Amino acid sequence: MRDTPALTEATYYILLSLVTPQHGYGIMQQTEALSLGRVRLAAGTLYGALSALCDKGWIRPLSAEDAGRRKEYCLTDKGMEILKNEVARLRELADNGEAILGKENGDGDQNRT
């Protein structure tokens, strides 16, 4: 699915947090932990993002019986595909960067002064 736009860091971590179903507060905590504090979601921001992701069909709320007291969300098959595509895109970016930087730093090629 190469036509999928790059995800924002917040969206990426929200989707990653939902590999296992979670409620909003759990998503906020896991997103902050995974991003080493770079991504801190306020409740309003999170619930706006969750609504948008539901509209796209990338996540869905669990039924009341499955979720318990708090409203929980989970990835859909489409959301998992989007997440896997983003991981592959990020890996390609990192591999390209490492290949270029490795040529400059590791091959004895001292073209810069």
N, C-alpha and C. Protein backbone atom coordinates (compact mmCIF):
# COMPACT_ATOMS: atom_id res chain seq x y z
N MET A 1 0.85 -1.19 0.00
CA MET A 1 0.00 0.00 0.00
C MET A 1 0.89 1.24 0.00
N ARG A 2 1.59 1.45 -1.08
CA ARG A 2 2.56 2.52 -1.20
C ARG A 2 1.92 3.91 -1.23
N ASP A 3 0.63 4.01 -1.49
CA ASP A 3 -0.01 5.31 -1.57
C ASP A 3 -0.47 5.83 -0.21
N THR A 4 -0.17 5.11 0.85
CA THR A 4 -0.53 5.55 2.20
C THR A 4 0.42 6.68 2.61
N PRO A 5 -0.12 7.79 3.07
CA PRO A 5 0.76 8.88 3.50
C PRO A 5 1.55 8.50 4.74
N ALA A 6 2.67 9.18 4.93
CA ALA A 6 3.46 8.96 6.14
C ALA A 6 2.62 9.34 7.35
N LEU A 7 2.75 8.58 8.41
CA LEU A 7 2.00 8.84 9.63
C LEU A 7 2.72 9.88 10.47
N THR A 8 1.96 10.65 11.23
CA THR A 8 2.58 11.51 12.22
C THR A 8 3.10 10.60 13.33
N GLU A 9 4.02 11.12 14.12
CA GLU A 9 4.56 10.33 15.22
C GLU A 9 3.45 9.95 16.20
N ALA A 10 2.54 10.88 16.47
CA ALA A 10 1.44 10.58 17.39
C ALA A 10 0.55 9.47 16.86
N THR A 11 0.19 9.54 15.59
CA THR A 11 -0.66 8.50 14.99
C THR A 11 0.05 7.16 15.00
N TYR A 12 1.33 7.16 14.67
CA TYR A 12 2.11 5.92 14.69
C TYR A 12 2.06 5.27 16.06
N TYR A 13 2.31 6.06 17.10
CA TYR A 13 2.34 5.50 18.45
C TYR A 13 0.95 5.11 18.95
N ILE A 14 -0.08 5.82 18.53
CA ILE A 14 -1.45 5.41 18.89
C ILE A 14 -1.75 4.04 18.29
N LEU A 15 -1.45 3.89 17.00
CA LEU A 15 -1.69 2.60 16.35
C LEU A 15 -0.85 1.50 16.99
N LEU A 16 0.41 1.80 17.26
CA LEU A 16 1.28 0.82 17.89
C LEU A 16 0.75 0.42 19.27
N SER A 17 0.21 1.37 19.99
CA SER A 17 -0.37 1.10 21.31
C SER A 17 -1.58 0.19 21.23
N LEU A 18 -2.25 0.21 20.09
CA LEU A 18 -3.49 -0.55 19.94
C LEU A 18 -3.30 -1.93 19.32
N VAL A 19 -2.07 -2.39 19.23
CA VAL A 19 -1.86 -3.78 18.81
C VAL A 19 -2.55 -4.69 19.81
N THR A 20 -2.54 -4.28 21.07
CA THR A 20 -3.33 -4.91 22.11
C THR A 20 -4.42 -3.92 22.51
N PRO A 21 -5.69 -4.31 22.54
CA PRO A 21 -6.76 -3.35 22.86
C PRO A 21 -6.50 -2.59 24.16
N GLN A 22 -6.83 -1.31 24.13
CA GLN A 22 -6.59 -0.45 25.29
C GLN A 22 -7.65 0.64 25.37
N HIS A 23 -7.76 1.19 26.56
CA HIS A 23 -8.61 2.36 26.79
C HIS A 23 -7.76 3.62 26.61
N GLY A 24 -8.39 4.77 26.57
CA GLY A 24 -7.72 6.02 26.27
C GLY A 24 -6.54 6.34 27.17
N TYR A 25 -6.72 6.18 28.48
CA TYR A 25 -5.63 6.51 29.40
C TYR A 25 -4.43 5.59 29.17
N GLY A 26 -4.68 4.33 28.90
CA GLY A 26 -3.60 3.39 28.60
C GLY A 26 -2.86 3.78 27.33
N ILE A 27 -3.60 4.24 26.33
CA ILE A 27 -2.99 4.69 25.07
C ILE A 27 -2.09 5.89 25.35
N MET A 28 -2.57 6.85 26.14
CA MET A 28 -1.77 8.03 26.47
C MET A 28 -0.48 7.62 27.18
N GLN A 29 -0.58 6.73 28.15
CA GLN A 29 0.60 6.29 28.89
C GLN A 29 1.60 5.54 28.01
N GLN A 30 1.10 4.62 27.20
CA GLN A 30 1.99 3.82 26.37
C GLN A 30 2.64 4.67 25.29
N THR A 31 1.88 5.60 24.72
CA THR A 31 2.43 6.49 23.70
C THR A 31 3.58 7.32 24.27
N GLU A 32 3.39 7.86 25.46
CA GLU A 32 4.44 8.64 26.09
C GLU A 32 5.66 7.77 26.42
N ALA A 33 5.42 6.56 26.91
CA ALA A 33 6.52 5.66 27.25
C ALA A 33 7.30 5.23 26.01
N LEU A 34 6.59 4.81 24.96
CA LEU A 34 7.25 4.34 23.75
C LEU A 34 8.06 5.44 23.07
N SER A 35 7.56 6.67 23.14
CA SER A 35 8.23 7.80 22.47
C SER A 35 9.27 8.45 23.38
N LEU A 36 9.51 7.86 24.54
CA LEU A 36 10.46 8.41 25.52
C LEU A 36 10.10 9.84 25.90
N GLY A 37 8.79 10.09 25.99
CA GLY A 37 8.29 11.39 26.43
C GLY A 37 8.12 12.42 25.34
N ARG A 38 8.50 12.12 24.10
CA ARG A 38 8.35 13.09 23.01
C ARG A 38 6.89 13.36 22.67
N VAL A 39 6.07 12.31 22.76
CA VAL A 39 4.66 12.44 22.40
C VAL A 39 3.82 12.34 23.66
N ARG A 40 3.23 13.46 24.03
CA ARG A 40 2.33 13.51 25.19
C ARG A 40 0.98 13.98 24.68
N LEU A 41 0.02 13.11 24.77
CA LEU A 41 -1.31 13.39 24.23
C LEU A 41 -2.24 13.88 25.32
N ALA A 42 -2.81 15.05 25.11
CA ALA A 42 -3.88 15.52 25.99
C ALA A 42 -5.14 14.74 25.64
N ALA A 43 -6.06 14.66 26.58
CA ALA A 43 -7.28 13.86 26.37
C ALA A 43 -8.03 14.32 25.13
N GLY A 44 -8.20 15.61 24.95
CA GLY A 44 -8.93 16.12 23.79
C GLY A 44 -8.27 15.75 22.48
N THR A 45 -6.96 15.85 22.44
CA THR A 45 -6.20 15.49 21.25
C THR A 45 -6.34 14.01 20.96
N LEU A 46 -6.20 13.20 22.00
CA LEU A 46 -6.30 11.75 21.82
C LEU A 46 -7.67 11.36 21.30
N TYR A 47 -8.73 11.85 21.92
CA TYR A 47 -10.06 11.42 21.51
C TYR A 47 -10.43 11.95 20.13
N GLY A 48 -9.89 13.10 19.74
CA GLY A 48 -10.06 13.57 18.36
C GLY A 48 -9.36 12.64 17.38
N ALA A 49 -8.14 12.22 17.75
CA ALA A 49 -7.38 11.29 16.90
C ALA A 49 -8.08 9.93 16.82
N LEU A 50 -8.58 9.45 17.95
CA LEU A 50 -9.28 8.16 17.94
C LEU A 50 -10.52 8.22 17.06
N SER A 51 -11.23 9.32 17.12
CA SER A 51 -12.42 9.49 16.27
C SER A 51 -12.03 9.48 14.79
N ALA A 52 -10.96 10.20 14.45
CA ALA A 52 -10.50 10.24 13.06
C ALA A 52 -10.04 8.87 12.59
N LEU A 53 -9.33 8.14 13.45
CA LEU A 53 -8.86 6.81 13.08
C LEU A 53 -10.02 5.82 12.93
N CYS A 54 -11.06 5.98 13.74
CA CYS A 54 -12.27 5.17 13.57
C CYS A 54 -12.93 5.48 12.24
N ASP A 55 -13.01 6.77 11.90
CA ASP A 55 -13.62 7.18 10.62
C ASP A 55 -12.87 6.60 9.43
N LYS A 56 -11.55 6.47 9.55
CA LYS A 56 -10.73 5.90 8.47
C LYS A 56 -10.83 4.38 8.42
N GLY A 57 -11.37 3.79 9.48
CA GLY A 57 -11.47 2.35 9.54
C GLY A 57 -10.19 1.66 9.99
N TRP A 58 -9.28 2.42 10.62
CA TRP A 58 -8.01 1.86 11.07
C TRP A 58 -8.12 1.25 12.46
N ILE A 59 -9.05 1.77 13.26
CA ILE A 59 -9.32 1.23 14.60
C ILE A 59 -10.82 1.14 14.77
N ARG A 60 -11.23 0.46 15.84
CA ARG A 60 -12.66 0.42 16.16
C ARG A 60 -12.80 0.27 17.67
N PRO A 61 -13.91 0.78 18.20
CA PRO A 61 -14.16 0.56 19.63
C PRO A 61 -14.61 -0.88 19.84
N LEU A 62 -14.22 -1.43 20.96
CA LEU A 62 -14.70 -2.77 21.31
C LEU A 62 -16.13 -2.64 21.81
N SER A 63 -16.88 -3.71 21.68
CA SER A 63 -18.24 -3.71 22.19
C SER A 63 -18.21 -3.60 23.71
N ALA A 64 -19.29 -3.17 24.30
CA ALA A 64 -19.37 -2.97 25.75
C ALA A 64 -19.05 -4.26 26.50
N GLU A 65 -19.47 -5.41 25.97
CA GLU A 65 -19.20 -6.68 26.64
C GLU A 65 -17.71 -7.00 26.64
N ASP A 66 -17.03 -6.68 25.54
CA ASP A 66 -15.61 -6.98 25.42
C ASP A 66 -14.73 -5.98 26.17
N ALA A 67 -15.19 -4.75 26.26
CA ALA A 67 -14.35 -3.68 26.79
C ALA A 67 -14.42 -3.53 28.29
N GLY A 68 -15.51 -3.94 28.89
CA GLY A 68 -15.66 -3.72 30.33
C GLY A 68 -16.16 -2.32 30.61
N ARG A 69 -15.70 -1.76 31.71
CA ARG A 69 -16.20 -0.47 32.17
C ARG A 69 -15.74 0.69 31.28
N ARG A 70 -14.48 0.69 30.89
CA ARG A 70 -13.92 1.76 30.08
C ARG A 70 -14.05 1.43 28.60
N LYS A 71 -14.18 2.47 27.79
CA LYS A 71 -14.25 2.27 26.35
C LYS A 71 -12.86 1.92 25.84
N GLU A 72 -12.74 0.77 25.21
CA GLU A 72 -11.47 0.33 24.66
C GLU A 72 -11.53 0.31 23.15
N TYR A 73 -10.35 0.43 22.56
CA TYR A 73 -10.21 0.45 21.10
C TYR A 73 -9.23 -0.64 20.70
N CYS A 74 -9.35 -1.08 19.44
CA CYS A 74 -8.41 -2.06 18.90
C CYS A 74 -8.17 -1.74 17.43
N LEU A 75 -7.07 -2.26 16.91
CA LEU A 75 -6.76 -2.11 15.49
C LEU A 75 -7.70 -2.96 14.66
N THR A 76 -8.03 -2.48 13.49
CA THR A 76 -8.71 -3.30 12.50
C THR A 76 -7.63 -3.94 11.61
N ASP A 77 -8.03 -4.82 10.72
CA ASP A 77 -7.08 -5.40 9.78
C ASP A 77 -6.43 -4.31 8.94
N LYS A 78 -7.23 -3.33 8.53
CA LYS A 78 -6.70 -2.21 7.74
C LYS A 78 -5.69 -1.41 8.56
N GLY A 79 -6.00 -1.19 9.83
CA GLY A 79 -5.08 -0.46 10.70
C GLY A 79 -3.77 -1.20 10.88
N MET A 80 -3.82 -2.52 11.01
CA MET A 80 -2.60 -3.32 11.14
C MET A 80 -1.78 -3.21 9.86
N GLU A 81 -2.45 -3.23 8.72
CA GLU A 81 -1.74 -3.10 7.43
C GLU A 81 -1.07 -1.72 7.33
N ILE A 82 -1.78 -0.68 7.74
CA ILE A 82 -1.22 0.67 7.73
C ILE A 82 0.01 0.73 8.63
N LEU A 83 -0.09 0.16 9.82
CA LEU A 83 1.02 0.16 10.78
C LEU A 83 2.22 -0.61 10.22
N LYS A 84 1.99 -1.77 9.66
CA LYS A 84 3.09 -2.55 9.09
C LYS A 84 3.75 -1.81 7.93
N ASN A 85 2.95 -1.13 7.11
CA ASN A 85 3.50 -0.35 6.01
C ASN A 85 4.36 0.79 6.53
N GLU A 86 3.93 1.41 7.61
CA GLU A 86 4.71 2.51 8.19
C GLU A 86 6.02 2.00 8.77
N VAL A 87 6.01 0.87 9.41
CA VAL A 87 7.24 0.28 9.94
C VAL A 87 8.21 0.00 8.78
N ALA A 88 7.71 -0.53 7.68
CA ALA A 88 8.55 -0.80 6.52
C ALA A 88 9.10 0.50 5.93
N ARG A 89 8.28 1.54 5.88
CA ARG A 89 8.72 2.84 5.37
C ARG A 89 9.82 3.42 6.25
N LEU A 90 9.62 3.36 7.56
CA LEU A 90 10.62 3.88 8.49
C LEU A 90 11.92 3.07 8.42
N ARG A 91 11.79 1.76 8.25
CA ARG A 91 12.99 0.92 8.11
C ARG A 91 13.76 1.31 6.85
N GLU A 92 13.05 1.55 5.76
CA GLU A 92 13.70 1.97 4.52
C GLU A 92 14.43 3.30 4.71
N LEU A 93 13.79 4.25 5.40
CA LEU A 93 14.44 5.53 5.68
C LEU A 93 15.73 5.32 6.48
N ALA A 94 15.64 4.53 7.53
CA ALA A 94 16.80 4.29 8.38
C ALA A 94 17.90 3.56 7.61
N ASP A 95 17.53 2.55 6.82
CA ASP A 95 18.52 1.80 6.04
C ASP A 95 19.23 2.72 5.05
N ASN A 96 18.48 3.60 4.38
CA ASN A 96 19.09 4.52 3.43
C ASN A 96 20.04 5.48 4.13
N GLY A 97 19.62 6.00 5.27
CA GLY A 97 20.48 6.90 6.03
C GLY A 97 21.75 6.22 6.49
N GLU A 98 21.62 5.01 7.01
CA GLU A 98 22.79 4.27 7.48
C GLU A 98 23.72 3.92 6.32
N ALA A 99 23.15 3.60 5.15
CA ALA A 99 23.99 3.28 4.00
C ALA A 99 24.81 4.49 3.56
N ILE A 100 24.19 5.64 3.53
CA ILE A 100 24.89 6.86 3.12
C ILE A 100 25.90 7.27 4.18
N LEU A 101 25.49 7.29 5.43
CA LEU A 101 26.40 7.68 6.51
C LEU A 101 27.53 6.68 6.68
N GLY A 102 27.25 5.42 6.46
CA GLY A 102 28.28 4.39 6.55
C GLY A 102 29.34 4.56 5.48
N LYS A 103 28.93 4.98 4.29
CA LYS A 103 29.89 5.23 3.22
C LYS A 103 30.80 6.39 3.59
N GLU A 104 30.23 7.42 4.20
CA GLU A 104 31.02 8.59 4.56
C GLU A 104 31.93 8.31 5.75
N ASN A 105 31.47 7.51 6.70
CA ASN A 105 32.20 7.35 7.96
C ASN A 105 33.01 6.06 8.05
N GLY A 106 32.64 5.04 7.31
CA GLY A 106 33.26 3.75 7.57
C GLY A 106 34.13 3.18 6.46
N ASP A 107 34.10 3.75 5.29
CA ASP A 107 34.83 3.14 4.18
C ASP A 107 36.20 3.78 3.95
N GLY A 108 36.66 4.62 4.87
CA GLY A 108 37.95 5.25 4.70
C GLY A 108 37.93 6.35 3.66
N ASP A 109 36.77 6.70 3.16
CA ASP A 109 36.65 7.74 2.16
C ASP A 109 36.61 9.09 2.88
N GLN A 110 37.67 9.80 2.90
CA GLN A 110 37.79 11.06 3.62
C GLN A 110 37.68 12.23 2.66
N ASN A 111 36.58 12.36 1.95
CA ASN A 111 36.43 13.43 0.97
C ASN A 111 36.21 14.79 1.61
N ARG A 112 35.73 14.80 2.85
CA ARG A 112 35.45 16.09 3.50
C ARG A 112 36.63 16.51 4.37
N THR A 113 36.85 17.78 4.44
CA THR A 113 37.92 18.30 5.31
C THR A 113 37.38 19.17 6.38
